[in-house]
Amino acid sequence: MRKAVLADAGPLYAAVDPADMRHLQATQELQELALRRFDIVVSFPTLSEAYSLVLRKLGQKIALGWLNEMMDAALINPTPEEYRQAARKLHAFADQSITLFDATLAVLAQRTGLPVWTYDHHFDVMRVPVWR
């Protein structure tokens, strides 16, 4: 079985935007993941979040091109129960500004046993393994 990471929207966006402060880091990490033969798994909520960022910040042409490339990614869909678990997680960390996108990704990480490729400290707060 190949190794894999669950991608968060931050690195996905940073990799496509040359003006993003983490662009170089994201592209280097993509190269490292490929070299180490890691699959990059993307949840549908993360795909939607990242697409919205690319569309809003870089425009429709780039967003549609990015989306076409992402269709080759390993995609995963949360179950209704995983959304409920994510909502409970938000209540458990009510003192943090964690998004439903990130709480859902944390639940998926628990189910799959995969670390999350992210730059967001909230995954550390939620005690989710992070790929670094």
Protein backbone atom coordinates (compact mmCIF):
# COMPACT_ATOMS: atom_id res chain seq x y z
CA MET A 1 0.00 0.00 0.00
CA ARG A 2 1.27 3.43 -0.90
CA LYS A 3 1.72 6.15 1.67
CA ALA A 4 -0.63 9.13 1.56
CA VAL A 5 -1.51 12.46 3.11
CA LEU A 6 -4.80 14.30 3.35
CA ALA A 7 -4.40 17.74 1.80
CA ASP A 8 -5.72 20.88 3.43
CA ALA A 9 -6.73 23.89 1.32
CA GLY A 10 -3.77 26.02 2.45
CA PRO A 11 -0.99 24.05 0.72
CA LEU A 12 -3.19 23.35 -2.32
CA TYR A 13 -3.79 27.05 -2.77
CA ALA A 14 -0.20 28.06 -2.00
CA ALA A 15 1.08 25.67 -4.67
CA VAL A 16 -0.94 27.40 -7.40
CA ASP A 17 -0.41 31.06 -6.39
CA PRO A 18 3.14 32.30 -7.04
CA ALA A 19 2.40 35.38 -4.90
CA ASP A 20 1.46 33.30 -1.84
CA MET A 21 4.07 33.53 0.93
CA ARG A 22 4.16 29.71 1.18
CA HIS A 23 4.29 29.06 -2.58
CA LEU A 24 7.91 27.89 -2.61
CA GLN A 25 7.34 25.71 0.45
CA ALA A 26 4.22 24.15 -1.09
CA THR A 27 5.91 23.39 -4.40
CA GLN A 28 8.93 21.89 -2.63
CA GLU A 29 6.65 19.76 -0.49
CA LEU A 30 4.76 18.57 -3.57
CA GLN A 31 8.08 17.50 -5.06
CA GLU A 32 9.03 15.73 -1.82
CA LEU A 33 5.68 13.95 -1.66
CA ALA A 34 6.09 12.78 -5.25
CA LEU A 35 9.70 11.70 -4.67
CA ARG A 36 8.65 9.70 -1.59
CA ARG A 37 5.71 8.25 -3.58
CA PHE A 38 3.00 9.66 -1.35
CA ASP A 39 -0.53 9.90 -2.69
CA ILE A 40 -2.30 13.17 -2.02
CA VAL A 41 -5.88 12.56 -0.95
CA VAL A 42 -8.30 15.48 -1.22
CA SER A 43 -11.69 15.59 0.45
CA PHE A 44 -14.57 17.09 -1.49
CA PRO A 45 -15.02 19.85 1.14
CA THR A 46 -11.33 20.74 0.84
CA LEU A 47 -11.60 20.71 -2.95
CA SER A 48 -14.53 23.14 -2.72
CA GLU A 49 -12.72 25.38 -0.23
CA ALA A 50 -9.51 25.51 -2.28
CA TYR A 51 -11.38 26.05 -5.56
CA SER A 52 -13.21 29.00 -4.00
CA LEU A 53 -9.90 30.51 -2.89
CA VAL A 54 -8.33 30.08 -6.32
CA LEU A 55 -11.42 31.48 -8.05
CA ARG A 56 -11.66 34.51 -5.76
CA LYS A 57 -7.96 35.36 -5.71
CA LEU A 58 -6.69 34.23 -9.12
CA GLY A 59 -9.74 34.28 -11.39
CA GLN A 60 -11.91 31.86 -13.28
CA LYS A 61 -9.42 30.78 -15.95
CA ILE A 62 -6.80 29.68 -13.42
CA ALA A 63 -9.45 28.18 -11.14
CA LEU A 64 -10.92 26.03 -13.92
CA GLY A 65 -7.45 24.86 -15.00
CA TRP A 66 -6.59 24.01 -11.40
CA LEU A 67 -9.87 22.14 -10.99
CA ASN A 68 -9.18 20.08 -14.13
CA GLU A 69 -5.80 19.05 -12.68
CA MET A 70 -7.41 18.16 -9.36
CA MET A 71 -9.79 15.71 -11.03
CA ASP A 72 -6.86 13.28 -11.21
CA ALA A 73 -6.38 13.42 -7.43
CA ALA A 74 -7.55 10.74 -5.05
CA LEU A 75 -10.85 12.19 -3.84
CA ILE A 76 -12.68 11.22 -0.66
CA ASN A 77 -16.14 12.16 0.52
CA PRO A 78 -17.16 12.46 4.18
CA THR A 79 -20.21 10.55 5.32
CA PRO A 80 -23.17 12.30 6.96
CA GLU A 81 -22.03 10.90 10.31
CA GLU A 82 -18.55 12.38 9.77
CA TYR A 83 -20.12 15.81 9.28
CA ARG A 84 -21.96 15.29 12.59
CA GLN A 85 -18.67 14.32 14.25
CA ALA A 86 -17.07 17.45 12.80
CA ALA A 87 -19.87 19.60 14.23
CA ARG A 88 -19.31 18.00 17.64
CA LYS A 89 -15.60 18.70 17.29
CA LEU A 90 -16.37 22.39 16.69
CA HIS A 91 -18.32 22.47 19.94
CA ALA A 92 -15.49 20.72 21.77
CA PHE A 93 -13.07 23.43 20.58
CA ALA A 94 -15.47 26.37 20.87
CA ASP A 95 -12.64 28.60 22.11
CA GLN A 96 -10.91 28.21 18.70
CA SER A 97 -11.94 29.62 15.31
CA ILE A 98 -11.85 26.25 13.55
CA THR A 99 -13.75 26.00 10.30
CA LEU A 100 -16.17 23.21 9.47
CA PHE A 101 -13.85 22.40 6.55
CA ASP A 102 -10.97 21.75 8.95
CA ALA A 103 -13.05 19.88 11.53
CA THR A 104 -14.32 17.61 8.76
CA LEU A 105 -10.79 17.00 7.52
CA ALA A 106 -9.73 16.17 11.09
CA VAL A 107 -12.49 13.56 11.30
CA LEU A 108 -11.42 12.10 7.94
CA ALA A 109 -7.84 11.93 9.20
CA GLN A 110 -9.05 9.95 12.20
CA ARG A 111 -11.01 7.53 9.98
CA THR A 112 -8.24 6.98 7.44
CA GLY A 113 -5.26 7.17 9.77
CA LEU A 114 -3.61 9.62 7.36
CA PRO A 115 -1.71 12.73 8.44
CA VAL A 116 -2.89 16.11 7.18
CA TRP A 117 -0.68 18.22 4.91
CA THR A 118 -1.44 21.67 6.30
CA TYR A 119 -0.04 24.97 7.51
CA ASP A 120 -2.94 25.49 9.93
CA HIS A 121 -2.14 25.21 13.65
CA HIS A 122 -5.72 24.17 14.41
CA PHE A 123 -4.88 20.59 13.44
CA ASP A 124 -2.28 20.53 16.22
CA VAL A 125 -4.92 21.91 18.59
CA MET A 126 -7.32 19.13 17.52
CA ARG A 127 -4.48 16.61 18.02
CA VAL A 128 -4.51 15.44 14.44
CA PRO A 129 -1.28 14.04 12.98
CA VAL A 130 0.25 16.55 10.58
CA TRP A 131 2.64 15.73 7.76
CA ARG A 132 5.74 17.92 8.01
